[in-house]
Protein backbone atom coordinates (compact mmCIF):
# COMPACT_ATOMS: atom_id res chain seq x y z
CA PHE A 1 7.57 -13.04 -6.65
CA LEU A 2 8.00 -14.40 -10.14
CA THR A 3 11.73 -13.48 -10.04
CA VAL A 4 12.13 -15.51 -6.79
CA GLN A 5 10.36 -18.47 -8.46
CA LYS A 6 12.92 -18.12 -11.31
CA LEU A 7 15.81 -18.08 -8.79
CA CYS A 8 14.48 -21.26 -7.46
CA ALA A 9 14.53 -22.91 -10.93
CA ASP A 10 17.87 -21.43 -11.87
CA TYR A 11 19.60 -22.45 -8.46
CA PRO A 12 17.93 -26.00 -7.59
CA THR A 13 20.80 -26.80 -5.24
CA HIS A 14 20.18 -23.56 -3.13
CA THR A 15 17.80 -23.27 -0.22
CA VAL A 16 15.62 -20.23 -0.94
CA TYR A 17 14.03 -18.27 1.97
CA TYR A 18 11.39 -15.49 0.97
CA ARG A 19 10.48 -13.04 3.61
CA THR A 20 8.04 -10.04 3.49
CA TRP A 21 7.51 -7.30 6.02
CA ASN A 22 4.25 -7.31 7.91
CA THR A 23 3.38 -3.67 8.74
CA THR A 24 0.86 -4.71 11.43
CA THR A 25 3.10 -6.88 13.57
CA LEU A 26 6.34 -5.18 12.42
CA THR A 27 8.03 -8.47 11.90
CA TRP A 28 9.45 -10.44 8.92
CA GLU A 29 7.23 -13.28 7.78
CA GLY A 30 7.91 -15.88 5.16
CA ARG A 31 8.64 -19.43 4.29
CA THR A 32 11.23 -21.69 2.78
CA LEU A 33 10.52 -21.92 -0.92
CA GLN A 34 13.03 -24.52 -1.71
CA THR A 35 15.38 -26.79 0.22
CA GLY A 36 18.61 -27.38 -1.67
CA THR A 37 21.17 -29.93 -1.60
CA SER A 38 24.15 -27.73 -1.04
CA ALA A 39 25.01 -25.42 1.87
CA ARG A 40 24.28 -22.41 -0.25
CA VAL A 41 21.33 -20.12 0.77
CA LEU A 42 19.42 -17.38 -0.96
CA ARG A 43 17.72 -15.02 1.44
CA ILE A 44 15.18 -12.67 -0.21
CA TYR A 45 13.69 -10.00 2.00
CA ASN A 46 10.87 -7.96 0.46
CA GLY A 47 10.55 -4.77 2.65
CA SER A 48 8.21 -3.06 0.28
CA VAL A 49 5.66 -1.00 2.28
CA PRO A 50 2.90 0.64 0.23
CA GLY A 51 2.64 4.27 0.93
CA ALA A 52 5.94 4.50 2.76
CA THR A 53 9.09 6.68 2.26
CA PRO A 54 12.62 5.83 3.02
CA ALA A 55 12.08 7.37 6.45
CA TYR A 56 9.88 4.30 7.28
CA TRP A 57 12.94 2.17 7.89
CA GLN A 58 14.57 4.82 10.16
CA GLY A 59 14.34 5.24 13.83
CA THR A 60 13.18 2.17 15.76
CA LEU A 61 12.56 -0.04 12.65
CA LYS A 62 16.11 0.55 11.53
CA ASP A 63 17.23 -2.52 13.51
CA TYR A 64 14.80 -4.78 11.73
CA ALA A 65 15.70 -3.77 8.20
CA TYR A 66 18.32 -6.32 7.66
CA ASP A 67 17.38 -8.70 10.27
CA GLY A 68 20.99 -9.09 11.34
CA PHE A 69 22.40 -10.10 7.97
CA GLN A 70 24.91 -8.54 5.77
CA PHE A 71 23.56 -9.03 2.29
CA ASP A 72 25.27 -9.55 -1.04
CA MET A 73 22.67 -7.56 -2.95
CA VAL A 74 20.14 -4.88 -2.08
CA ILE A 75 17.48 -3.92 -4.74
CA VAL A 76 15.96 -0.53 -4.05
CA ASN A 77 12.55 0.18 -5.24
CA TYR A 78 12.45 4.08 -4.39
CA GLY A 79 8.85 4.74 -5.51
CA LEU A 80 6.59 7.60 -6.08
CA ASN A 81 5.84 8.44 -2.44
CA VAL A 82 8.80 10.65 -2.25
CA SER A 83 8.65 14.18 -3.22
CA THR A 84 8.97 14.87 -6.91
CA ASP A 85 10.96 18.12 -6.32
CA ALA A 86 14.42 17.39 -7.74
CA ILE A 87 16.27 19.16 -4.89
CA ILE A 88 14.44 17.23 -2.21
CA GLN A 89 14.71 13.88 -4.30
CA LYS A 90 18.59 14.40 -4.56
CA SER A 91 18.98 15.15 -0.83
CA SER A 92 16.69 12.29 0.35
CA LEU A 93 18.16 9.75 -2.15
CA SER A 94 21.72 10.71 -1.29
CA ALA A 95 21.19 10.41 2.43
CA TYR A 96 19.43 7.07 1.89
CA LEU A 97 22.18 5.59 -0.21
CA TYR A 98 24.88 6.89 2.09
CA THR A 99 23.18 5.17 5.06
CA LEU A 100 22.58 2.02 2.99
CA LYS A 101 26.17 1.82 1.87
CA SER A 102 27.34 2.35 5.51
CA GLU A 103 25.13 -0.51 6.81
CA GLN A 104 25.60 -2.92 3.96
CA PRO A 105 29.13 -2.09 2.88
CA ASN A 106 29.68 -5.29 0.76
CA ALA A 107 26.26 -5.49 -0.88
CA GLU A 108 25.83 -4.70 -4.38
CA ILE A 109 23.02 -2.09 -4.66
CA VAL A 110 20.79 -2.06 -7.58
CA PHE A 111 18.36 0.84 -7.91
CA ASN A 112 15.06 0.86 -9.87
CA ILE A 113 14.10 4.12 -11.39
CA GLN A 114 10.30 4.07 -11.29
CA CYS A 115 7.87 4.31 -14.18
CA PRO A 116 6.40 7.64 -14.96
CA ASP A 117 3.26 8.99 -13.56
CA TYR A 118 0.94 9.58 -16.31
CA THR A 119 -1.92 11.11 -14.12
CA ASP A 120 -1.54 14.48 -15.74
CA ALA A 121 1.07 16.66 -17.65
CA VAL A 122 2.29 18.14 -14.40
CA LEU A 123 2.84 14.87 -12.57
CA LEU A 124 4.48 13.53 -15.73
CA SER A 125 6.88 16.43 -15.84
CA ARG A 126 7.75 16.04 -12.17
CA SER A 127 8.26 12.30 -12.76
CA GLN A 128 10.80 13.17 -15.38
CA MET A 129 12.78 15.61 -13.01
CA ARG A 130 12.66 12.88 -10.34
CA SER A 131 14.10 10.20 -12.66
CA ASP A 132 16.70 12.60 -13.88
CA ALA A 133 17.62 13.48 -10.23
CA GLN A 134 17.77 9.73 -9.36
CA ARG A 135 20.05 8.96 -12.29
CA GLN A 136 22.42 11.71 -11.26
CA ILE A 137 22.58 10.49 -7.64
CA VAL A 138 22.97 6.79 -8.41
CA ASP A 139 25.71 7.63 -10.77
CA GLU A 140 27.45 9.71 -8.12
CA TYR A 141 27.27 6.82 -5.74
CA GLY A 142 28.42 4.21 -8.26
CA VAL A 143 25.00 2.36 -7.93
CA ALA A 144 23.70 0.14 -10.77
CA SER A 145 20.42 1.06 -11.81
CA VAL A 146 17.37 -0.46 -13.79
CA ASP A 147 15.93 2.31 -15.76
CA VAL A 148 12.18 1.42 -15.75
CA PHE A 149 11.18 4.96 -16.36
CA SER A 150 12.77 5.01 -19.88
CA LYS A 151 11.47 1.56 -20.87
CA PHE A 152 7.93 2.60 -19.81
CA SER A 153 8.19 5.89 -21.77
CA GLU A 154 9.13 3.86 -24.93
CA LEU A 155 6.28 1.44 -24.31
CA VAL A 156 3.76 4.23 -23.96
CA ASN A 157 5.08 6.01 -27.02
CA SER A 158 4.55 2.90 -28.95
CA SER A 159 0.98 2.23 -27.92
CA THR A 160 -1.21 3.81 -25.16
CA VAL A 161 -0.83 4.39 -21.46
CA GLU A 162 -3.76 2.08 -20.72
CA SER A 163 -1.84 -0.83 -22.45
CA TRP A 164 0.76 -0.83 -19.51
CA TYR A 165 -1.01 0.94 -16.61
CA GLY A 166 -3.95 0.07 -14.40
CA ASP A 167 -4.50 3.58 -13.32
CA ARG A 168 -1.84 5.72 -15.04
CA ILE A 169 0.46 5.22 -12.03
CA HIS A 170 0.76 1.43 -11.25
CA PRO A 171 1.70 -1.07 -13.94
CA ASN A 172 -1.04 -3.47 -15.01
CA PRO A 173 -0.09 -7.15 -15.41
CA ALA A 174 1.29 -6.33 -19.03
CA GLY A 175 3.40 -3.69 -17.41
CA GLN A 176 4.65 -5.74 -14.76
């Protein structure tokens, strides 16, 4: 949400709408954060669903995903709820990006490569395999990426896991 507030400050003449997905009512909810003086509009849809996988937006919910809009940009936060198996990761992500590019052909897609899971050595190793698979697929699809994984690895190597994580999986306020 801080990024959205920064957009408001950086684009004071734009109207800014912010919508979040309600998993109970299966509807978009939100509000107008700023009414600009120009005809330009920024629509931000936060479709993050804790515990969900990309399959969440398939099937009957697929029609809701873009609320009838063709977007200029889609930021993908493809989290830790997808298998850490590199082959499954590649297949799942490839199918997702193919569908996303088909449904939003003019949108710039930015992919977040998630932070490592430091719960134990096995999951950390799987996190590395997952991030490597993600880098390969986003490169193949020509998708821009934000490599959160590498940055968190650097931060943890320079201090402690607890400095950046609340539970060794999710970033704490400093990590955010």
